[in-house]
C-alpha atoms as a PDB file:
ATOM      1  CA  MET A   1       4.805 110.937  73.125  1.00  0.00           C
ATOM      2  CA  LYS A   2       4.149 107.320  72.232  1.00  0.00           C
ATOM      3  CA  THR A   3       6.601 107.255  69.357  1.00  0.00           C
ATOM      4  CA  LEU A   4       9.284 108.776  71.680  1.00  0.00           C
ATOM      5  CA  LYS A   5       8.648 106.177  74.301  1.00  0.00           C
ATOM      6  CA  LYS A   6       8.826 103.375  71.660  1.00  0.00           C
ATOM      7  CA  ASN A   7      11.934 104.758  70.251  1.00  0.00           C
ATOM      8  CA  LEU A   8      13.531 105.056  73.645  1.00  0.00           C
ATOM      9  CA  LYS A   9      12.746 101.491  74.272  1.00  0.00           C
ATOM     10  CA  THR A  10      14.035 100.191  70.953  1.00  0.00           C
ATOM     11  CA  ILE A  11      17.352 102.306  71.700  1.00  0.00           C
ATOM     12  CA  LEU A  12      17.616 100.713  75.156  1.00  0.00           C
ATOM     13  CA  MET A  13      16.860  97.183  74.031  1.00  0.00           C
ATOM     14  CA  THR A  14      19.564  97.447  71.140  1.00  0.00           C
ATOM     15  CA  PHE A  15      22.118  98.829  73.838  1.00  0.00           C
ATOM     16  CA  CYS A  16      21.419  96.087  76.069  1.00  0.00           C
ATOM     17  CA  LEU A  17      21.637  93.218  73.579  1.00  0.00           C
ATOM     18  CA  THR A  18      24.722  94.809  72.221  1.00  0.00           C
ATOM     19  CA  VAL A  19      26.652  94.919  75.691  1.00  0.00           C
ATOM     20  CA  MET A  20      25.246  91.146  76.267  1.00  0.00           C
ATOM     21  CA  TYR A  21      26.739  90.136  72.997  1.00  0.00           C
ATOM     22  CA  SER A  22      30.081  91.607  73.424  1.00  0.00           C
ATOM     23  CA  LEU A  23      30.387  90.129  76.971  1.00  0.00           C
ATOM     24  CA  ALA A  24      29.403  86.723  75.730  1.00  0.00           C
ATOM     25  CA  ASN A  25      31.944  86.785  72.811  1.00  0.00           C
ATOM     26  CA  ALA A  26      34.876  88.340  74.651  1.00  0.00           C
ATOM     27  CA  GLN A  27      37.703  85.946  74.356  1.00  0.00           C
ATOM     28  CA  THR A  28      40.108  85.014  77.096  1.00  0.00           C
ATOM     29  CA  ASN A  29      43.956  84.687  76.898  1.00  0.00           C
ATOM     30  CA  LYS A  30      44.903  81.929  79.490  1.00  0.00           C
ATOM     31  CA  ILE A  31      48.617  82.467  80.381  1.00  0.00           C
ATOM     32  CA  GLN A  32      50.563  79.867  82.904  1.00  0.00           C
ATOM     33  CA  TYR A  33      53.959  79.820  84.177  1.00  0.00           C
ATOM     34  CA  VAL A  34      55.344  77.095  86.512  1.00  0.00           C
ATOM     35  CA  VAL A  35      58.119  78.754  88.616  1.00  0.00           C
ATOM     36  CA  LYS A  36      61.267  76.898  89.545  1.00  0.00           C
ATOM     37  CA  ASP A  37      64.518  77.456  91.254  1.00  0.00           C
ATOM     38  CA  GLU A  38      67.235  77.629  88.542  1.00  0.00           C
ATOM     39  CA  LYS A  39      69.826  75.549  90.395  1.00  0.00           C
ATOM     40  CA  THR A  40      67.589  72.687  91.775  1.00  0.00           C
ATOM     41  CA  SER A  41      64.401  72.998  89.634  1.00  0.00           C
ATOM     42  CA  ASP A  42      62.396  72.661  92.897  1.00  0.00           C
ATOM     43  CA  THR A  43      59.039  74.681  92.399  1.00  0.00           C
ATOM     44  CA  ILE A  44      58.828  77.951  94.147  1.00  0.00           C
ATOM     45  CA  LYS A  45      55.524  78.155  96.104  1.00  0.00           C
ATOM     46  CA  ASN A  46      55.840  81.880  97.116  1.00  0.00           C
ATOM     47  CA  ALA A  47      56.389  83.465  93.632  1.00  0.00           C
ATOM     48  CA  LYS A  48      54.396  86.442  92.484  1.00  0.00           C
ATOM     49  CA  LEU A  49      53.522  87.562  89.050  1.00  0.00           C
ATOM     50  CA  THR A  50      53.025  91.244  88.405  1.00  0.00           C
ATOM     51  CA  LEU A  51      51.312  92.339  85.042  1.00  0.00           C
ATOM     52  CA  ARG A  52      51.907  95.861  83.755  1.00  0.00           C
ATOM     53  CA  ASN A  53      50.498  97.637  80.672  1.00  0.00           C
ATOM     54  CA  LEU A  54      52.812  99.951  78.242  1.00  0.00           C
ATOM     55  CA  ASN A  55      52.373 102.827  80.831  1.00  0.00           C
ATOM     56  CA  ASN A  56      53.921 100.722  83.434  1.00  0.00           C
ATOM     57  CA  GLU A  57      50.477 100.457  85.418  1.00  0.00           C
ATOM     58  CA  VAL A  58      50.030  97.324  87.411  1.00  0.00           C
ATOM     59  CA  VAL A  59      47.136  95.401  85.727  1.00  0.00           C
ATOM     60  CA  LYS A  60      47.028  92.474  87.641  1.00  0.00           C
ATOM     61  CA  THR A  61      48.908  90.572  90.377  1.00  0.00           C
ATOM     62  CA  GLN A  62      48.705  86.665  90.874  1.00  0.00           C
ATOM     63  CA  GLU A  63      50.461  84.335  93.269  1.00  0.00           C
ATOM     64  CA  ALA A  64      51.691  80.920  92.719  1.00  0.00           C
ATOM     65  CA  ASP A  65      49.678  78.030  94.095  1.00  0.00           C
ATOM     66  CA  ALA A  66      51.300  75.161  96.031  1.00  0.00           C
ATOM     67  CA  THR A  67      52.931  73.522  92.843  1.00  0.00           C
ATOM     68  CA  GLY A  68      54.385  76.813  91.860  1.00  0.00           C
ATOM     69  CA  LEU A  69      51.775  77.424  89.084  1.00  0.00           C
ATOM     70  CA  ILE A  70      50.679  80.960  88.269  1.00  0.00           C
ATOM     71  CA  ALA A  71      47.720  80.847  86.058  1.00  0.00           C
ATOM     72  CA  LEU A  72      45.881  84.207  84.927  1.00  0.00           C
ATOM     73  CA  GLU A  73      43.153  85.076  82.403  1.00  0.00           C
ATOM     74  CA  LEU A  74      43.333  88.176  80.157  1.00  0.00           C
ATOM     75  CA  THR A  75      40.572  89.438  78.214  1.00  0.00           C
ATOM     76  CA  GLY A  76      41.364  91.025  74.954  1.00  0.00           C
ATOM     77  CA  SER A  77      44.521  92.044  73.356  1.00  0.00           C
ATOM     78  CA  GLY A  78      47.374  94.147  74.420  1.00  0.00           C
ATOM     79  CA  LYS A  79      51.149  94.367  75.046  1.00  0.00           C
ATOM     80  CA  TYR A  80      52.190  93.517  78.584  1.00  0.00           C
ATOM     81  CA  THR A  81      55.226  92.984  80.755  1.00  0.00           C
ATOM     82  CA  PHE A  82      55.381  90.284  83.296  1.00  0.00           C
ATOM     83  CA  THR A  83      57.609  90.482  86.408  1.00  0.00           C
ATOM     84  CA  ILE A  84      57.913  87.230  88.353  1.00  0.00           C
ATOM     85  CA  SER A  85      59.323  87.623  91.949  1.00  0.00           C
ATOM     86  CA  ALA A  86      59.988  85.591  94.935  1.00  0.00           C
ATOM     87  CA  SER A  87      61.758  86.292  98.223  1.00  0.00           C
ATOM     88  CA  GLY A  88      65.402  85.057  98.032  1.00  0.00           C
ATOM     89  CA  TYR A  89      65.478  85.184  94.035  1.00  0.00           C
ATOM     90  CA  GLU A  90      66.284  87.622  91.223  1.00  0.00           C
ATOM     91  CA  ASP A  91      63.267  88.808  89.585  1.00  0.00           C
ATOM     92  CA  ALA A  92      62.378  87.500  86.028  1.00  0.00           C
ATOM     93  CA  LEU A  93      61.082  90.098  83.694  1.00  0.00           C
ATOM     94  CA  ILE A  94      59.052  88.854  80.583  1.00  0.00           C
ATOM     95  CA  SER A  95      58.162  91.347  77.997  1.00  0.00           C
ATOM     96  CA  TYR A  96      55.877  90.949  74.989  1.00  0.00           C
ATOM     97  CA  SER A  97      56.734  92.864  71.969  1.00  0.00           C
ATOM     98  CA  SER A  98      53.794  91.700  69.967  1.00  0.00           C
ATOM     99  CA  GLN A  99      50.165  91.649  70.918  1.00  0.00           C
ATOM    100  CA  ILE A 100      48.649  88.746  72.661  1.00  0.00           C
ATOM    101  CA  LYS A 101      46.188  87.259  70.320  1.00  0.00           C
ATOM    102  CA  GLU A 102      42.573  86.537  71.268  1.00  0.00           C
ATOM    103  CA  GLY A 103      41.988  83.104  72.530  1.00  0.00           C
ATOM    104  CA  LEU A 104      45.546  82.236  73.272  1.00  0.00           C
ATOM    105  CA  PHE A 105      46.858  79.655  75.651  1.00  0.00           C
ATOM    106  CA  PHE A 106      50.396  79.916  76.698  1.00  0.00           C
ATOM    107  CA  LYS A 107      52.241  77.827  79.309  1.00  0.00           C
ATOM    108  CA  ASP A 108      55.986  78.024  80.091  1.00  0.00           C
ATOM    109  CA  VAL A 109      58.367  77.268  82.839  1.00  0.00           C
ATOM    110  CA  VAL A 110      60.346  80.347  84.461  1.00  0.00           C
ATOM    111  CA  LYS A 111      63.382  79.660  86.266  1.00  0.00           C
ATOM    112  CA  LEU A 112      64.446  82.126  89.166  1.00  0.00           C
ATOM    113  CA  LYS A 113      68.272  82.671  90.013  1.00  0.00           C
ATOM    114  CA  PRO A 114      68.629  82.593  93.740  1.00  0.00           C
ATOM    115  CA  ILE A 115      70.395  85.614  95.271  1.00  0.00           C
ATOM    116  CA  VAL A 116      73.806  84.703  96.768  1.00  0.00           C
ATOM    117  CA  LYS A 117      74.551  86.416  99.925  1.00  0.00           C
ATOM    118  CA  ASN A 118      78.131  87.419 100.619  1.00  0.00           C
ATOM    119  CA  GLU A 119      79.356  86.379 103.827  1.00  0.00           C
END
């Protein structure tokens, strides 16, 4: 019985250390977009990013701050599609055909085209 308890303790301790090591070493991908009006280059404060995986499932959504900046962090690698939308503008679709690499920092400007209303 003592041997069984000792083995269970060892297995549990090993499992806990493995989980802690994995969490501590998980690298984060930092993605930033500044959203601007295509015609005026003014920042768009009400923009929203929707992140989808290959199964078209929403993984994360993030809204722009007061400066039009959308910043998000992703853990691990994967293939994603970003949709950036704002009221009064056409959506921008950004698709990654290759995997996001571990520890990536990416920043870009996305210009949204205003929707022209026919009168």
